[in-house]
Amino acid sequence: MPIRDDVQPADDLNAGFAQACATGYPRPQSVEFANFWAPFGDMWIKILEEVSTPEEAVNEACAAMNAANEK
């Protein structure tokens, strides 16, 4: 991401990222949200490696996230 305002992106893709950075805002951080990443990262791996169906993997990830968040 550009950090200097005197440098312009050389292509449309980088220009799009620069615009998103200039107009975006940081993702909110919370303990509950932090408990999302590991279960849902594991979910993708299980789906891609065909260890679980998408439905099984999503259900398992949601259950793990809810347990971590004590909900």
PDB file of N, CA and C in Angstrom:
ATOM      1  N   MET A   1       0.835  -1.175   0.000  1.00  0.00           N
ATOM      2  CA  MET A   1       0.000   0.000   0.000  1.00  0.00           C
ATOM      3  C   MET A   1       0.880   1.238   0.000  1.00  0.00           C
ATOM      4  N   PRO A   2       0.533   2.206  -0.786  1.00  0.00           N
ATOM      5  CA  PRO A   2       1.358   3.413  -0.833  1.00  0.00           C
ATOM      6  C   PRO A   2       1.330   4.162   0.487  1.00  0.00           C
ATOM      7  N   ILE A   3       2.493   4.586   0.917  1.00  0.00           N
ATOM      8  CA  ILE A   3       2.558   5.403   2.130  1.00  0.00           C
ATOM      9  C   ILE A   3       3.066   6.795   1.826  1.00  0.00           C
ATOM     10  N   ARG A   4       3.446   6.993   0.575  1.00  0.00           N
ATOM     11  CA  ARG A   4       3.918   8.311   0.147  1.00  0.00           C
ATOM     12  C   ARG A   4       2.880   8.909  -0.788  1.00  0.00           C
ATOM     13  N   ASP A   5       2.503  10.175  -0.542  1.00  0.00           N
ATOM     14  CA  ASP A   5       1.497  10.794  -1.392  1.00  0.00           C
ATOM     15  C   ASP A   5       2.079  11.342  -2.696  1.00  0.00           C
ATOM     16  N   ASP A   6       3.399  11.290  -2.853  1.00  0.00           N
ATOM     17  CA  ASP A   6       4.016  11.751  -4.093  1.00  0.00           C
ATOM     18  C   ASP A   6       4.231  10.610  -5.098  1.00  0.00           C
ATOM     19  N   VAL A   7       3.805   9.383  -4.761  1.00  0.00           N
ATOM     20  CA  VAL A   7       3.937   8.236  -5.649  1.00  0.00           C
ATOM     21  C   VAL A   7       2.542   7.809  -6.081  1.00  0.00           C
ATOM     22  N   GLN A   8       2.363   7.641  -7.369  1.00  0.00           N
ATOM     23  CA  GLN A   8       1.067   7.239  -7.907  1.00  0.00           C
ATOM     24  C   GLN A   8       1.132   5.785  -8.371  1.00  0.00           C
ATOM     25  N   PRO A   9       0.057   5.006  -8.164  1.00  0.00           N
ATOM     26  CA  PRO A   9       0.040   3.620  -8.633  1.00  0.00           C
ATOM     27  C   PRO A   9       0.217   3.551 -10.148  1.00  0.00           C
ATOM     28  N   ALA A  10       0.957   2.546 -10.588  1.00  0.00           N
ATOM     29  CA  ALA A  10       1.250   2.405 -12.016  1.00  0.00           C
ATOM     30  C   ALA A  10       0.176   1.630 -12.775  1.00  0.00           C
ATOM     31  N   ASP A  11      -0.745   0.972 -12.054  1.00  0.00           N
ATOM     32  CA  ASP A  11      -1.772   0.188 -12.755  1.00  0.00           C
ATOM     33  C   ASP A  11      -3.089   0.266 -11.993  1.00  0.00           C
ATOM     34  N   ASP A  12      -4.148  -0.174 -12.656  1.00  0.00           N
ATOM     35  CA  ASP A  12      -5.490  -0.067 -12.081  1.00  0.00           C
ATOM     36  C   ASP A  12      -5.669  -0.895 -10.812  1.00  0.00           C
ATOM     37  N   LEU A  13      -5.048  -2.063 -10.742  1.00  0.00           N
ATOM     38  CA  LEU A  13      -5.186  -2.915  -9.565  1.00  0.00           C
ATOM     39  C   LEU A  13      -4.623  -2.218  -8.324  1.00  0.00           C
ATOM     40  N   ASN A  14      -3.409  -1.707  -8.431  1.00  0.00           N
ATOM     41  CA  ASN A  14      -2.814  -1.000  -7.296  1.00  0.00           C
ATOM     42  C   ASN A  14      -3.556   0.289  -6.983  1.00  0.00           C
ATOM     43  N   ALA A  15      -4.080   0.950  -8.004  1.00  0.00           N
ATOM     44  CA  ALA A  15      -4.862   2.162  -7.781  1.00  0.00           C
ATOM     45  C   ALA A  15      -6.123   1.839  -6.981  1.00  0.00           C
ATOM     46  N   GLY A  16      -6.736   0.692  -7.276  1.00  0.00           N
ATOM     47  CA  GLY A  16      -7.923   0.271  -6.522  1.00  0.00           C
ATOM     48  C   GLY A  16      -7.598   0.020  -5.064  1.00  0.00           C
ATOM     49  N   PHE A  17      -6.471  -0.653  -4.793  1.00  0.00           N
ATOM     50  CA  PHE A  17      -6.051  -0.880  -3.408  1.00  0.00           C
ATOM     51  C   PHE A  17      -5.756   0.441  -2.703  1.00  0.00           C
ATOM     52  N   ALA A  18      -5.104   1.345  -3.403  1.00  0.00           N
ATOM     53  CA  ALA A  18      -4.787   2.648  -2.800  1.00  0.00           C
ATOM     54  C   ALA A  18      -6.064   3.401  -2.438  1.00  0.00           C
ATOM     55  N   GLN A  19      -7.050   3.342  -3.315  1.00  0.00           N
ATOM     56  CA  GLN A  19      -8.317   4.020  -3.042  1.00  0.00           C
ATOM     57  C   GLN A  19      -9.029   3.374  -1.853  1.00  0.00           C
ATOM     58  N   ALA A  20      -9.024   2.039  -1.810  1.00  0.00           N
ATOM     59  CA  ALA A  20      -9.665   1.347  -0.690  1.00  0.00           C
ATOM     60  C   ALA A  20      -8.982   1.714   0.625  1.00  0.00           C
ATOM     61  N   CYS A  21      -7.665   1.803   0.618  1.00  0.00           N
ATOM     62  CA  CYS A  21      -6.932   2.160   1.843  1.00  0.00           C
ATOM     63  C   CYS A  21      -7.252   3.586   2.284  1.00  0.00           C
ATOM     64  N   ALA A  22      -7.387   4.468   1.320  1.00  0.00           N
ATOM     65  CA  ALA A  22      -7.648   5.868   1.639  1.00  0.00           C
ATOM     66  C   ALA A  22      -9.055   6.080   2.187  1.00  0.00           C
ATOM     67  N   THR A  23      -9.999   5.228   1.790  1.00  0.00           N
ATOM     68  CA  THR A  23     -11.387   5.445   2.190  1.00  0.00           C
ATOM     69  C   THR A  23     -11.894   4.399   3.178  1.00  0.00           C
ATOM     70  N   GLY A  24     -11.076   3.400   3.491  1.00  0.00           N
ATOM     71  CA  GLY A  24     -11.499   2.318   4.381  1.00  0.00           C
ATOM     72  C   GLY A  24     -11.293   2.663   5.843  1.00  0.00           C
ATOM     73  N   TYR A  25     -11.642   1.741   6.697  1.00  0.00           N
ATOM     74  CA  TYR A  25     -11.431   1.896   8.125  1.00  0.00           C
ATOM     75  C   TYR A  25     -10.987   0.555   8.698  1.00  0.00           C
ATOM     76  N   PRO A  26     -10.279   0.579   9.812  1.00  0.00           N
ATOM     77  CA  PRO A  26      -9.774  -0.681  10.381  1.00  0.00           C
ATOM     78  C   PRO A  26     -10.898  -1.610  10.804  1.00  0.00           C
ATOM     79  N   ARG A  27     -10.640  -2.889  10.683  1.00  0.00           N
ATOM     80  CA  ARG A  27     -11.594  -3.898  11.128  1.00  0.00           C
ATOM     81  C   ARG A  27     -11.708  -3.825  12.644  1.00  0.00           C
ATOM     82  N   PRO A  28     -12.909  -3.896  13.198  1.00  0.00           N
ATOM     83  CA  PRO A  28     -13.055  -3.863  14.651  1.00  0.00           C
ATOM     84  C   PRO A  28     -12.378  -5.078  15.293  1.00  0.00           C
ATOM     85  N   GLN A  29     -11.820  -4.883  16.448  1.00  0.00           N
ATOM     86  CA  GLN A  29     -11.140  -5.960  17.163  1.00  0.00           C
ATOM     87  C   GLN A  29     -11.894  -6.245  18.456  1.00  0.00           C
ATOM     88  N   SER A  30     -12.117  -7.506  18.729  1.00  0.00           N
ATOM     89  CA  SER A  30     -12.741  -7.915  19.976  1.00  0.00           C
ATOM     90  C   SER A  30     -12.332  -9.354  20.243  1.00  0.00           C
ATOM     91  N   VAL A  31     -12.483  -9.787  21.470  1.00  0.00           N
ATOM     92  CA  VAL A  31     -12.171 -11.170  21.817  1.00  0.00           C
ATOM     93  C   VAL A  31     -13.057 -12.110  21.010  1.00  0.00           C
ATOM     94  N   GLU A  32     -14.347 -11.776  20.917  1.00  0.00           N
ATOM     95  CA  GLU A  32     -15.273 -12.632  20.187  1.00  0.00           C
ATOM     96  C   GLU A  32     -14.869 -12.761  18.720  1.00  0.00           C
ATOM     97  N   PHE A  33     -14.475 -11.661  18.114  1.00  0.00           N
ATOM     98  CA  PHE A  33     -14.085 -11.702  16.707  1.00  0.00           C
ATOM     99  C   PHE A  33     -12.783 -12.465  16.537  1.00  0.00           C
ATOM    100  N   ALA A  34     -11.877 -12.343  17.481  1.00  0.00           N
ATOM    101  CA  ALA A  34     -10.616 -13.084  17.415  1.00  0.00           C
ATOM    102  C   ALA A  34     -10.875 -14.596  17.424  1.00  0.00           C
ATOM    103  N   ASN A  35     -11.928 -15.020  18.098  1.00  0.00           N
ATOM    104  CA  ASN A  35     -12.263 -16.444  18.146  1.00  0.00           C
ATOM    105  C   ASN A  35     -12.869 -16.963  16.848  1.00  0.00           C
ATOM    106  N   PHE A  36     -13.036 -16.110  15.879  1.00  0.00           N
ATOM    107  CA  PHE A  36     -13.550 -16.488  14.564  1.00  0.00           C
ATOM    108  C   PHE A  36     -12.457 -17.125  13.705  1.00  0.00           C
ATOM    109  N   TRP A  37     -11.245 -16.571  13.765  1.00  0.00           N
ATOM    110  CA  TRP A  37     -10.211 -16.892  12.781  1.00  0.00           C
ATOM    111  C   TRP A  37      -9.789 -18.356  12.765  1.00  0.00           C
ATOM    112  N   ALA A  38      -9.443 -18.935  13.875  1.00  0.00           N
ATOM    113  CA  ALA A  38      -8.946 -20.316  13.876  1.00  0.00           C
ATOM    114  C   ALA A  38     -10.011 -21.310  13.411  1.00  0.00           C
ATOM    115  N   PRO A  39     -11.228 -21.286  13.978  1.00  0.00           N
ATOM    116  CA  PRO A  39     -12.219 -22.267  13.525  1.00  0.00           C
ATOM    117  C   PRO A  39     -12.570 -22.143  12.042  1.00  0.00           C
ATOM    118  N   PHE A  40     -12.665 -20.908  11.558  1.00  0.00           N
ATOM    119  CA  PHE A  40     -13.062 -20.748  10.161  1.00  0.00           C
ATOM    120  C   PHE A  40     -11.892 -20.949   9.215  1.00  0.00           C
ATOM    121  N   GLY A  41     -10.656 -20.724   9.669  1.00  0.00           N
ATOM    122  CA  GLY A  41      -9.488 -21.102   8.877  1.00  0.00           C
ATOM    123  C   GLY A  41      -9.404 -22.599   8.723  1.00  0.00           C
ATOM    124  N   ASP A  42      -9.630 -23.313   9.836  1.00  0.00           N
ATOM    125  CA  ASP A  42      -9.654 -24.777   9.787  1.00  0.00           C
ATOM    126  C   ASP A  42     -10.777 -25.273   8.884  1.00  0.00           C
ATOM    127  N   MET A  43     -11.897 -24.558   8.888  1.00  0.00           N
ATOM    128  CA  MET A  43     -13.041 -24.937   8.070  1.00  0.00           C
ATOM    129  C   MET A  43     -12.649 -24.999   6.594  1.00  0.00           C
ATOM    130  N   TRP A  44     -11.969 -23.967   6.116  1.00  0.00           N
ATOM    131  CA  TRP A  44     -11.577 -23.931   4.706  1.00  0.00           C
ATOM    132  C   TRP A  44     -10.669 -25.098   4.352  1.00  0.00           C
ATOM    133  N   ILE A  45      -9.746 -25.404   5.223  1.00  0.00           N
ATOM    134  CA  ILE A  45      -8.828 -26.516   4.963  1.00  0.00           C
ATOM    135  C   ILE A  45      -9.589 -27.832   4.866  1.00  0.00           C
ATOM    136  N   LYS A  46     -10.519 -28.053   5.803  1.00  0.00           N
ATOM    137  CA  LYS A  46     -11.305 -29.293   5.784  1.00  0.00           C
ATOM    138  C   LYS A  46     -12.145 -29.406   4.514  1.00  0.00           C
ATOM    139  N   ILE A  47     -12.678 -28.295   4.046  1.00  0.00           N
ATOM    140  CA  ILE A  47     -13.472 -28.308   2.815  1.00  0.00           C
ATOM    141  C   ILE A  47     -12.575 -28.577   1.606  1.00  0.00           C
ATOM    142  N   LEU A  48     -11.457 -27.851   1.525  1.00  0.00           N
ATOM    143  CA  LEU A  48     -10.574 -28.012   0.369  1.00  0.00           C
ATOM    144  C   LEU A  48      -9.933 -29.391   0.307  1.00  0.00           C
ATOM    145  N   GLU A  49      -9.640 -29.957   1.468  1.00  0.00           N
ATOM    146  CA  GLU A  49      -9.056 -31.294   1.499  1.00  0.00           C
ATOM    147  C   GLU A  49     -10.120 -32.393   1.491  1.00  0.00           C
ATOM    148  N   GLU A  50     -11.384 -31.991   1.387  1.00  0.00           N
ATOM    149  CA  GLU A  50     -12.527 -32.898   1.333  1.00  0.00           C
ATOM    150  C   GLU A  50     -12.609 -33.814   2.549  1.00  0.00           C
ATOM    151  N   VAL A  51     -12.202 -33.266   3.698  1.00  0.00           N
ATOM    152  CA  VAL A  51     -12.339 -33.983   4.969  1.00  0.00           C
ATOM    153  C   VAL A  51     -13.774 -33.853   5.461  1.00  0.00           C
ATOM    154  N   SER A  52     -14.387 -32.708   5.181  1.00  0.00           N
ATOM    155  CA  SER A  52     -15.771 -32.433   5.584  1.00  0.00           C
ATOM    156  C   SER A  52     -16.517 -31.798   4.425  1.00  0.00           C
ATOM    157  N   THR A  53     -17.837 -31.943   4.453  1.00  0.00           N
ATOM    158  CA  THR A  53     -18.659 -31.203   3.492  1.00  0.00           C
ATOM    159  C   THR A  53     -18.698 -29.747   3.946  1.00  0.00           C
ATOM    160  N   PRO A  54     -19.039 -28.821   3.061  1.00  0.00           N
ATOM    161  CA  PRO A  54     -19.146 -27.428   3.499  1.00  0.00           C
ATOM    162  C   PRO A  54     -20.120 -27.249   4.669  1.00  0.00           C
ATOM    163  N   GLU A  55     -21.245 -27.947   4.612  1.00  0.00           N
ATOM    164  CA  GLU A  55     -22.231 -27.818   5.678  1.00  0.00           C
ATOM    165  C   GLU A  55     -21.676 -28.315   7.016  1.00  0.00           C
ATOM    166  N   GLU A  56     -20.998 -29.465   7.000  1.00  0.00           N
ATOM    167  CA  GLU A  56     -20.412 -30.003   8.230  1.00  0.00           C
ATOM    168  C   GLU A  56     -19.341 -29.058   8.770  1.00  0.00           C
ATOM    169  N   ALA A  57     -18.495 -28.554   7.871  1.00  0.00           N
ATOM    170  CA  ALA A  57     -17.391 -27.695   8.300  1.00  0.00           C
ATOM    171  C   ALA A  57     -17.895 -26.377   8.885  1.00  0.00           C
ATOM    172  N   VAL A  58     -18.916 -25.797   8.276  1.00  0.00           N
ATOM    173  CA  VAL A  58     -19.481 -24.542   8.801  1.00  0.00           C
ATOM    174  C   VAL A  58     -20.107 -24.786  10.167  1.00  0.00           C
ATOM    175  N   ASN A  59     -20.872 -25.850  10.293  1.00  0.00           N
ATOM    176  CA  ASN A  59     -21.498 -26.159  11.580  1.00  0.00           C
ATOM    177  C   ASN A  59     -20.452 -26.372  12.670  1.00  0.00           C
ATOM    178  N   GLU A  60     -19.385 -27.101  12.334  1.00  0.00           N
ATOM    179  CA  GLU A  60     -18.321 -27.345  13.306  1.00  0.00           C
ATOM    180  C   GLU A  60     -17.605 -26.040  13.677  1.00  0.00           C
ATOM    181  N   ALA A  61     -17.329 -25.198  12.689  1.00  0.00           N
ATOM    182  CA  ALA A  61     -16.658 -23.924  12.957  1.00  0.00           C
ATOM    183  C   ALA A  61     -17.524 -23.020  13.834  1.00  0.00           C
ATOM    184  N   CYS A  62     -18.807 -22.956  13.543  1.00  0.00           N
ATOM    185  CA  CYS A  62     -19.710 -22.140  14.360  1.00  0.00           C
ATOM    186  C   CYS A  62     -19.769 -22.650  15.792  1.00  0.00           C
ATOM    187  N   ALA A  63     -19.843 -23.960  15.949  1.00  0.00           N
ATOM    188  CA  ALA A  63     -19.888 -24.547  17.296  1.00  0.00           C
ATOM    189  C   ALA A  63     -18.600 -24.245  18.054  1.00  0.00           C
ATOM    190  N   ALA A  64     -17.449 -24.352  17.373  1.00  0.00           N
ATOM    191  CA  ALA A  64     -16.170 -24.069  18.040  1.00  0.00           C
ATOM    192  C   ALA A  64     -16.067 -22.603  18.428  1.00  0.00           C
ATOM    193  N   MET A  65     -16.511 -21.702  17.548  1.00  0.00           N
ATOM    194  CA  MET A  65     -16.481 -20.275  17.842  1.00  0.00           C
ATOM    195  C   MET A  65     -17.412 -19.947  19.000  1.00  0.00           C
ATOM    196  N   ASN A  66     -18.595 -20.504  18.976  1.00  0.00           N
ATOM    197  CA  ASN A  66     -19.541 -20.252  20.072  1.00  0.00           C
ATOM    198  C   ASN A  66     -19.031 -20.788  21.389  1.00  0.00           C
ATOM    199  N   ALA A  67     -18.389 -21.951  21.373  1.00  0.00           N
ATOM    200  CA  ALA A  67     -17.823 -22.505  22.608  1.00  0.00           C
ATOM    201  C   ALA A  67     -16.707 -21.611  23.129  1.00  0.00           C
ATOM    202  N   ALA A  68     -15.854 -21.136  22.229  1.00  0.00           N
ATOM    203  CA  ALA A  68     -14.755 -20.252  22.645  1.00  0.00           C
ATOM    204  C   ALA A  68     -15.283 -18.941  23.221  1.00  0.00           C
ATOM    205  N   ASN A  69     -16.419 -18.486  22.685  1.00  0.00           N
ATOM    206  CA  ASN A  69     -17.037 -17.248  23.168  1.00  0.00           C
ATOM    207  C   ASN A  69     -18.036 -17.488  24.297  1.00  0.00           C
ATOM    208  N   GLU A  70     -18.128 -18.743  24.741  1.00  0.00           N
ATOM    209  CA  GLU A  70     -19.034 -19.132  25.824  1.00  0.00           C
ATOM    210  C   GLU A  70     -20.462 -18.702  25.531  1.00  0.00           C
ATOM    211  N   LYS A  71     -20.925 -19.026  24.311  1.00  0.00           N
ATOM    212  CA  LYS A  71     -22.299 -18.669  23.901  1.00  0.00           C
ATOM    213  C   LYS A  71     -23.052 -19.919  23.510  1.00  0.00           C
TER     214      LYS A  71
END
